[in-house]
Amino acid sequence: MANPEEAQKIVEALKRKDILPWQQKRLIAMRMAAEGKWQMQQIADAVRVSRATIGTWLQTMRKAGVEGLLKKEDGQGAPGRLDSELQEKLKKGLEEGKWRRARDIQRWIEKEKGIAMGLGGIYYWLGKLGGV
C-alpha cells in the first residue's frame, strides 16, 4: 500500500486530539503499510496484532479510507453496559482528573446511571478510554 496521499491522510489523523488508543494503533499500522518498507508480519509484530488483523485493516482502508478505519463495526457479543454518552462523560472526566481511583469511577457510574459494575469492568473501560 505504498501510497503517499493515503499516508498523508493517516499522518493528519494521528495528530487529532480525539483519537482513541485503539484507533491510534490502527493508524500507526496503516502508516507503516503506506510507507511500503515493512512486510505485514513486521507491522503486526510492531503493533501487537495478528497478521490477519493487518490484512483486515488494509481491506478496510481500501474500501472506506481513514474514516472507515477509525470506526468499529458492532460485534456479535453482548452490548456494552456504558452507552456512548456515558463513555464520553467518563473520557472527559479522566482527561480532567476527576477521579483518583477506579472505585471512585465505579461509584460515579452507579450514581449517574444506576449501573452496578465490578472493578474488572471499570478497569476494562479505563483501558478502552485511555485511562490509567
Protein backbone atom coordinates (compact mmCIF):
# COMPACT_ATOMS: atom_id res chain seq x y z
CA MET A 1 0.00 0.00 0.00
CA ALA A 2 2.76 2.46 -0.90
CA ASN A 3 0.52 5.50 -1.40
CA PRO A 4 1.83 8.95 -0.36
CA GLU A 5 -1.64 10.53 -0.45
CA GLU A 6 -3.10 7.95 1.95
CA ALA A 7 0.00 8.22 4.14
CA GLN A 8 -0.59 11.98 4.46
CA LYS A 9 -4.24 11.43 5.48
CA ILE A 10 -3.07 8.94 8.10
CA VAL A 11 -0.45 11.36 9.49
CA GLU A 12 -3.12 14.09 9.74
CA ALA A 13 -5.49 11.72 11.53
CA LEU A 14 -2.76 10.79 14.02
CA LYS A 15 -2.49 14.48 15.00
CA ARG A 16 -6.16 14.68 16.01
CA LYS A 17 -6.85 15.08 19.72
CA ASP A 18 -9.92 12.81 19.74
CA ILE A 19 -8.09 9.65 18.64
CA LEU A 20 -8.55 6.70 21.00
CA PRO A 21 -5.70 4.26 21.70
CA TRP A 22 -7.19 1.51 19.51
CA GLN A 23 -7.58 3.99 16.65
CA GLN A 24 -4.01 5.17 17.08
CA LYS A 25 -2.79 1.57 16.83
CA ARG A 26 -4.65 1.12 13.53
CA LEU A 27 -3.31 4.38 12.15
CA ILE A 28 0.27 3.55 13.05
CA ALA A 29 -0.04 0.17 11.35
CA MET A 30 -1.51 1.73 8.22
CA ARG A 31 1.15 4.43 8.18
CA MET A 32 3.77 1.70 8.19
CA ALA A 33 1.94 -0.11 5.37
CA ALA A 34 1.62 3.11 3.35
CA GLU A 35 5.36 3.71 3.60
CA GLY A 36 5.91 0.35 1.91
CA LYS A 37 9.03 -0.52 3.94
CA TRP A 38 7.65 -3.35 6.07
CA GLN A 39 6.01 -6.70 5.46
CA MET A 40 2.63 -7.43 7.01
CA GLN A 41 4.11 -9.67 9.72
CA GLN A 42 6.58 -6.96 10.73
CA ILE A 43 3.75 -4.44 11.01
CA ALA A 44 1.67 -6.92 13.01
CA ASP A 45 4.56 -7.54 15.39
CA ALA A 46 5.17 -3.81 15.81
CA VAL A 47 1.57 -3.03 16.85
CA ARG A 48 1.00 -6.40 18.57
CA VAL A 49 -1.85 -7.77 16.50
CA SER A 50 -2.10 -10.75 14.17
CA ARG A 51 -1.09 -10.67 10.51
CA ALA A 52 -4.74 -11.39 9.63
CA THR A 53 -5.81 -8.27 11.53
CA ILE A 54 -3.41 -6.16 9.46
CA GLY A 55 -4.95 -7.67 6.34
CA THR A 56 -8.43 -6.77 7.56
CA TRP A 57 -7.36 -3.20 8.32
CA LEU A 58 -5.77 -2.89 4.86
CA GLN A 59 -9.03 -4.03 3.24
CA THR A 60 -10.96 -1.52 5.33
CA MET A 61 -8.57 1.26 4.28
CA ARG A 62 -9.01 0.37 0.60
CA LYS A 63 -12.81 0.27 0.85
CA ALA A 64 -13.60 3.04 3.36
CA GLY A 65 -10.42 5.10 3.77
CA VAL A 66 -9.12 6.54 7.03
CA GLU A 67 -12.58 7.34 8.42
CA GLY A 68 -13.71 3.76 7.86
CA LEU A 69 -10.61 2.50 9.63
CA LEU A 70 -11.47 4.60 12.68
CA LYS A 71 -14.93 3.06 13.07
CA LYS A 72 -15.64 -0.23 14.75
CA GLU A 73 -18.34 -2.50 13.49
CA ASP A 74 -20.80 -3.81 16.03
CA GLY A 75 -19.57 -7.14 17.29
CA GLN A 76 -21.55 -10.23 17.98
CA GLY A 77 -21.06 -10.10 21.72
CA ALA A 78 -23.34 -8.60 24.29
CA PRO A 79 -23.80 -4.84 24.00
CA GLY A 80 -21.64 -2.71 26.28
CA ARG A 81 -23.07 -1.58 29.57
CA LEU A 82 -21.97 2.02 29.07
CA ASP A 83 -23.73 3.95 26.32
CA SER A 84 -21.76 6.36 24.15
CA GLU A 85 -22.92 9.38 26.18
CA LEU A 86 -21.62 7.91 29.44
CA GLN A 87 -18.40 6.85 27.72
CA GLU A 88 -17.83 10.43 26.60
CA LYS A 89 -18.51 11.75 30.12
CA LEU A 90 -16.11 9.18 31.54
CA LYS A 91 -13.43 10.08 28.99
CA LYS A 92 -13.82 13.79 29.73
CA GLY A 93 -13.68 13.17 33.46
CA LEU A 94 -10.50 11.13 33.02
CA GLU A 95 -8.91 13.93 31.00
CA GLU A 96 -9.84 16.42 33.73
CA GLY A 97 -8.51 14.16 36.50
CA LYS A 98 -11.93 13.95 38.14
CA TRP A 99 -11.25 10.61 39.89
CA ARG A 100 -8.25 9.22 41.74
CA ARG A 101 -9.29 5.57 41.99
CA ALA A 102 -11.25 3.04 39.98
CA ARG A 103 -13.54 2.71 42.99
CA ASP A 104 -14.48 6.39 42.60
CA ILE A 105 -15.44 5.78 38.97
CA GLN A 106 -17.43 2.72 40.00
CA ARG A 107 -19.48 4.81 42.45
CA TRP A 108 -19.92 7.61 39.91
CA ILE A 109 -21.30 5.21 37.25
CA GLU A 110 -23.73 3.73 39.73
CA LYS A 111 -24.91 7.20 40.79
CA GLU A 112 -25.04 8.53 37.19
CA LYS A 113 -26.86 5.63 35.51
CA GLY A 114 -27.70 3.12 38.22
CA ILE A 115 -25.31 0.57 36.72
CA ALA A 116 -23.64 -1.66 39.30
CA MET A 117 -20.32 -2.64 37.75
CA GLY A 118 -17.43 -4.61 39.21
CA LEU A 119 -13.93 -3.22 39.34
CA GLY A 120 -12.95 -5.53 36.48
CA GLY A 121 -15.47 -3.73 34.29
CA ILE A 122 -14.14 -0.36 35.41
CA TYR A 123 -10.58 -1.39 34.51
CA TYR A 124 -11.85 -2.59 31.13
CA TRP A 125 -13.33 0.84 30.35
CA LEU A 126 -10.25 2.61 31.70
CA GLY A 127 -8.18 0.66 29.19
CA LYS A 128 -10.61 1.32 26.34
CA LEU A 129 -10.72 5.04 27.01
CA GLY A 130 -7.01 5.54 27.58
CA GLY A 131 -7.13 5.90 31.37
CA VAL A 132 -4.59 4.53 33.81
